[in-house]
C-alpha cells in the first residue's frame, strides 16, 4: 500500500503562484510516473502534468508555460509549481502515482487539495 499526502493548496489572486507537494509513503518501491490531476465543479477530472521516474515531463496545453512539475525521488515527493494562475485553474488537485507491481501497474490517489483563484 502507498499513502499519498498532498499540501500547498489555498486561495490566491489571479496572477499569483502556489506550489503543491505530494509525498508518498508506505510500500514505495517501484513507483513509476507521478502525476497531478484536477477536477473543477461539474467537470471531469483531467491530467494537468505528469513526470516519469527519469524526469520526463508532460503538460496539459492549458498549463504549458505556467506550471512546472518536478520530483525528488529520494524524498518520494512530486511538486507542482503553479505560476500566473487564472480563475479557470480553480479546482481540487489530486496527486496520482503508479507502482510497478510486476504483473502490471497499480494507481494510487491522494485525497486532493483545493486551489481557488480569485479574479
Protein backbone atom coordinates (compact mmCIF):
# COMPACT_ATOMS: atom_id res chain seq x y z
CA UNK A 1 0.00 0.00 0.00
CA UNK A 2 1.11 3.52 -0.83
CA UNK A 3 -0.20 6.56 1.02
CA UNK A 4 -0.13 10.00 -0.59
CA UNK A 5 -0.30 13.26 1.33
CA UNK A 6 -0.81 16.48 -0.60
CA UNK A 7 -0.26 20.00 0.62
CA UNK A 8 0.09 23.54 -0.65
CA UNK A 9 -3.39 24.38 -1.87
CA UNK A 10 -5.18 27.55 -0.93
CA UNK A 11 -6.72 30.81 -2.08
CA UNK A 12 -4.73 33.12 -4.36
CA UNK A 13 -5.47 36.06 -6.58
CA UNK A 14 -5.24 35.78 -10.35
CA UNK A 15 -1.64 36.14 -11.45
CA UNK A 16 -0.34 34.65 -8.24
CA UNK A 17 1.54 31.44 -7.53
CA UNK A 18 1.15 28.30 -5.47
CA UNK A 19 3.32 25.24 -5.01
CA UNK A 20 1.72 21.87 -4.41
CA UNK A 21 3.56 18.94 -2.87
CA UNK A 22 2.68 15.28 -2.70
CA UNK A 23 4.70 12.80 -0.65
CA UNK A 24 4.39 9.05 -0.95
CA UNK A 25 4.93 6.71 2.00
CA UNK A 26 4.40 3.06 2.81
CA UNK A 27 5.37 0.40 0.26
CA UNK A 28 7.05 2.85 -2.07
CA UNK A 29 9.28 0.58 -4.12
CA UNK A 30 8.97 0.75 -7.90
CA UNK A 31 6.95 3.95 -8.11
CA UNK A 32 6.88 4.95 -11.74
CA UNK A 33 5.05 8.01 -13.04
CA UNK A 34 3.84 10.73 -10.66
CA UNK A 35 1.01 12.92 -11.94
CA UNK A 36 -1.18 15.82 -10.97
CA UNK A 37 -4.84 15.85 -11.95
CA UNK A 38 -7.54 18.38 -11.22
CA UNK A 39 -11.29 18.39 -11.09
CA UNK A 40 -13.42 21.52 -11.22
CA UNK A 41 -17.08 21.50 -10.14
CA UNK A 42 -19.23 19.89 -12.79
CA UNK A 43 -16.26 18.82 -14.88
CA UNK A 44 -14.36 15.62 -15.43
CA UNK A 45 -11.03 15.02 -13.77
CA UNK A 46 -8.22 15.95 -16.13
CA UNK A 47 -4.47 15.42 -16.29
CA UNK A 48 -2.56 18.61 -15.52
CA UNK A 49 1.03 17.37 -15.59
CA UNK A 50 2.99 14.19 -15.20
CA UNK A 51 6.61 13.21 -14.70
CA UNK A 52 8.39 9.92 -15.17
CA UNK A 53 10.90 8.48 -12.74
CA UNK A 54 13.64 9.69 -15.08
CA UNK A 55 12.30 13.22 -15.12
CA UNK A 56 10.48 13.39 -18.44
CA UNK A 57 7.55 15.78 -18.04
CA UNK A 58 4.29 16.31 -19.88
CA UNK A 59 1.69 19.06 -19.53
CA UNK A 60 -1.86 19.84 -20.49
CA UNK A 61 -1.97 22.54 -23.15
CA UNK A 62 -3.89 24.81 -20.77
CA UNK A 63 -0.99 24.99 -18.29
CA UNK A 64 2.06 24.87 -20.54
CA UNK A 65 4.43 27.72 -19.78
CA UNK A 66 2.73 28.43 -16.43
CA UNK A 67 3.08 25.21 -14.42
CA UNK A 68 6.21 23.20 -13.73
CA UNK A 69 6.25 19.66 -12.40
CA UNK A 70 9.27 18.20 -10.65
CA UNK A 71 10.08 15.31 -8.37
CA UNK A 72 12.59 14.31 -5.74
CA UNK A 73 12.97 10.54 -5.89
CA UNK A 74 14.97 10.46 -2.65
CA UNK A 75 12.04 12.09 -0.84
CA UNK A 76 9.35 10.30 -2.86
CA UNK A 77 7.81 13.68 -3.48
CA UNK A 78 6.35 15.35 -6.53
CA UNK A 79 5.83 19.10 -6.79
CA UNK A 80 3.68 21.31 -8.96
CA UNK A 81 4.79 24.93 -9.21
CA UNK A 82 1.85 26.96 -10.47
CA UNK A 83 2.53 30.48 -11.71
CA UNK A 84 0.36 33.07 -13.45
CA UNK A 85 -2.71 31.41 -12.01
CA UNK A 86 -6.08 32.05 -13.61
CA UNK A 87 -9.60 31.72 -12.20
CA UNK A 88 -10.12 28.75 -14.52
CA UNK A 89 -7.36 26.91 -12.64
CA UNK A 90 -9.71 26.68 -9.66
CA UNK A 91 -10.21 23.01 -8.84
CA UNK A 92 -9.38 20.22 -6.46
CA UNK A 93 -5.91 18.98 -7.36
CA UNK A 94 -5.09 15.32 -6.93
CA UNK A 95 -1.77 13.54 -6.92
CA UNK A 96 -1.57 10.13 -8.58
CA UNK A 97 1.30 7.69 -8.66
CA UNK A 98 1.54 4.36 -10.36
CA UNK A 99 3.51 1.46 -8.96
CA UNK A 100 5.03 -1.37 -10.93
CA UNK A 101 3.64 -4.48 -9.23
CA UNK A 102 5.46 -6.92 -11.52
CA UNK A 103 2.20 -8.14 -13.04
CA UNK A 104 1.18 -4.64 -14.06
CA UNK A 105 0.77 -1.12 -12.72
CA UNK A 106 -1.45 -0.03 -9.85
CA UNK A 107 -2.62 3.57 -9.37
CA UNK A 108 -2.77 5.34 -6.02
CA UNK A 109 -4.57 8.67 -5.49
CA UNK A 110 -4.21 11.37 -2.90
CA UNK A 111 -7.12 12.93 -1.07
CA UNK A 112 -6.97 16.17 -3.04
CA UNK A 113 -6.14 19.76 -2.18
CA UNK A 114 -8.31 22.74 -3.07
CA UNK A 115 -6.90 25.52 -5.22
CA UNK A 116 -9.04 28.62 -5.58
CA UNK A 117 -8.01 31.52 -7.82
CA UNK A 118 -9.97 34.72 -7.40
CA UNK A 119 -10.36 37.27 -10.17
